[in-house]
Amino acid sequence: MKNMFLLFSHTLTEEQVKDAKENFGIKEFIYLPKELQKMWSNVPIEEYSYNYEKPFINFLENNATEEDLVLIEGEYGITFKIVNWCLNNNLKAVYSCTKREFRSNCLSDGKIQNVHFFKHIRFKVYEF
C-alpha cells in the first residue's frame, strides 16, 4: 500500500487528496504524531541545534518505505535537510504547486486589507 507522509503545517485540501490518489496511487495519508507536528510547525527562528531534524528522520526511517511519498513543506532550513535526506535514502519527496490570487480591499476606516488565495494545482517531485 502506497502512503503519503505529511511533513507540513496544514491539513490537505480535497484537491490535494484527489491529486495524490489519482496521480501517485496514494491509499493512506499519514500525519506526524502530535509532538513532531508541534516541532515541525514551530521551528525555532534562532539557530537550532544540528540534530533538530533527527526526530523527523527517525520517524521516516521507522515508518516509510521506498514506494511511499513524503510531502515536505515548511521552514526552508529543515525542509532542505529532510528533502536532502529523502533523496539520499530512496524516498520520493514532493511539494505542492499552487496558483496564488491576490485581492486588496479598502476598508471603511481607511485601512487596506490584503487577502491571498492559494489553489493547489499539482504535486511536483523534488529532484537533484
Protein backbone atom coordinates (compact mmCIF):
# COMPACT_ATOMS: atom_id res chain seq x y z
CA MET A 1 0.00 0.00 0.00
CA LYS A 2 1.37 3.40 -1.00
CA ASN A 3 1.34 6.09 1.71
CA MET A 4 1.99 9.82 1.73
CA PHE A 5 3.76 11.09 4.83
CA LEU A 6 2.86 14.70 5.57
CA LEU A 7 5.60 16.97 6.85
CA PHE A 8 3.86 20.31 6.66
CA SER A 9 1.76 22.58 8.87
CA HIS A 10 -1.67 22.35 7.28
CA THR A 11 -4.43 19.88 6.52
CA LEU A 12 -4.61 18.52 3.00
CA THR A 13 -7.25 20.07 0.76
CA GLU A 14 -9.71 17.96 -1.21
CA GLU A 15 -7.77 18.85 -4.38
CA GLN A 16 -4.51 17.62 -2.85
CA VAL A 17 -6.08 14.35 -1.71
CA LYS A 18 -7.56 13.78 -5.16
CA ASP A 19 -4.27 14.60 -6.91
CA ALA A 20 -2.26 12.26 -4.66
CA LYS A 21 -4.69 9.39 -5.13
CA GLU A 22 -5.15 9.79 -8.88
CA ASN A 23 -1.58 10.64 -9.93
CA PHE A 24 0.51 8.78 -7.36
CA GLY A 25 -1.77 5.93 -6.25
CA ILE A 26 -1.76 7.04 -2.61
CA LYS A 27 -4.00 4.95 -0.36
CA GLU A 28 -3.26 6.44 3.06
CA PHE A 29 -2.17 9.86 4.34
CA ILE A 30 0.00 9.83 7.44
CA TYR A 31 0.29 12.98 9.53
CA LEU A 32 3.12 13.45 12.00
CA PRO A 33 2.49 12.43 15.63
CA LYS A 34 1.39 15.42 17.74
CA GLU A 35 4.78 16.13 19.32
CA LEU A 36 6.58 16.01 15.96
CA GLN A 37 3.86 18.13 14.37
CA LYS A 38 4.36 20.75 17.07
CA MET A 39 8.11 20.76 16.36
CA TRP A 40 7.58 20.97 12.58
CA SER A 41 5.15 23.88 12.91
CA ASN A 42 7.37 25.78 15.35
CA VAL A 43 10.94 25.53 14.06
CA PRO A 44 12.95 27.99 16.18
CA ILE A 45 13.80 31.26 14.46
CA GLU A 46 17.12 31.39 16.26
CA GLU A 47 19.86 28.97 15.28
CA TYR A 48 18.64 25.47 16.07
CA SER A 49 20.74 22.50 17.01
CA TYR A 50 22.42 20.42 14.36
CA ASN A 51 20.17 17.47 15.22
CA TYR A 52 16.79 19.24 15.12
CA GLU A 53 15.85 17.17 12.06
CA LYS A 54 16.74 13.82 13.69
CA PRO A 55 13.26 13.03 15.16
CA PHE A 56 11.71 13.50 11.71
CA ILE A 57 14.33 11.30 10.09
CA ASN A 58 13.78 8.65 12.78
CA PHE A 59 10.03 8.76 12.12
CA LEU A 60 10.54 8.27 8.38
CA GLU A 61 13.18 5.54 8.89
CA ASN A 62 10.77 3.61 11.12
CA ASN A 63 7.62 4.06 9.04
CA ALA A 64 8.21 4.92 5.38
CA THR A 65 9.11 2.54 2.55
CA GLU A 66 10.61 3.23 -0.87
CA GLU A 67 7.17 3.12 -2.51
CA ASP A 68 5.84 5.90 -0.25
CA LEU A 69 5.88 9.65 -0.89
CA VAL A 70 6.83 12.35 1.60
CA LEU A 71 5.16 15.76 1.25
CA ILE A 72 7.67 18.26 2.66
CA GLU A 73 6.89 21.95 3.07
CA GLY A 74 7.91 24.29 5.85
CA GLU A 75 10.76 26.37 7.20
CA TYR A 76 13.43 26.42 4.49
CA GLY A 77 16.33 25.03 6.51
CA ILE A 78 14.55 21.98 7.93
CA THR A 79 12.78 21.40 4.60
CA PHE A 80 16.15 21.33 2.81
CA LYS A 81 17.61 18.89 5.32
CA ILE A 82 14.67 16.46 5.15
CA VAL A 83 14.39 16.64 1.34
CA ASN A 84 18.13 16.00 1.05
CA TRP A 85 17.87 13.05 3.42
CA CYS A 86 14.91 11.59 1.48
CA LEU A 87 16.71 11.91 -1.86
CA ASN A 88 19.76 10.17 -0.42
CA ASN A 89 17.66 7.38 1.11
CA ASN A 90 15.45 6.42 -1.84
CA LEU A 91 12.30 8.16 -0.63
CA LYS A 92 10.35 10.27 -3.10
CA ALA A 93 9.86 13.78 -1.70
CA VAL A 94 7.15 16.04 -3.17
CA TYR A 95 5.82 19.56 -2.76
CA SER A 96 2.56 21.25 -3.71
CA CYS A 97 2.48 23.75 -6.58
CA THR A 98 -0.18 26.39 -6.13
CA LYS A 99 -1.75 29.22 -8.03
CA ARG A 100 -1.88 32.42 -5.99
CA GLU A 101 -4.59 35.05 -6.27
CA PHE A 102 -4.34 38.38 -4.52
CA ARG A 103 -7.07 40.84 -3.62
CA SER A 104 -6.74 44.20 -1.94
CA ASN A 105 -9.75 45.80 -0.26
CA CYS A 106 -10.05 49.36 1.02
CA LEU A 107 -11.99 49.23 4.28
CA SER A 108 -14.37 51.92 5.51
CA ASP A 109 -11.91 53.02 8.22
CA GLY A 110 -9.21 53.69 5.59
CA LYS A 111 -7.24 50.53 6.27
CA ILE A 112 -6.16 48.26 3.44
CA GLN A 113 -6.92 44.57 3.72
CA ASN A 114 -4.80 42.22 1.59
CA VAL A 115 -6.09 38.70 1.02
CA HIS A 116 -4.16 35.86 -0.62
CA PHE A 117 -5.87 32.76 -2.01
CA PHE A 118 -3.88 29.63 -2.83
CA LYS A 119 -5.23 26.85 -5.04
CA HIS A 120 -3.44 23.52 -5.37
CA ILE A 121 -2.51 22.74 -8.97
CA ARG A 122 -0.33 19.64 -8.66
CA PHE A 123 2.40 17.91 -6.71
CA LYS A 124 5.95 18.06 -8.04
CA VAL A 125 8.80 15.75 -7.14
CA TYR A 126 11.93 17.24 -5.57
CA GLU A 127 14.95 16.29 -7.67
CA PHE A 128 18.71 16.82 -7.55
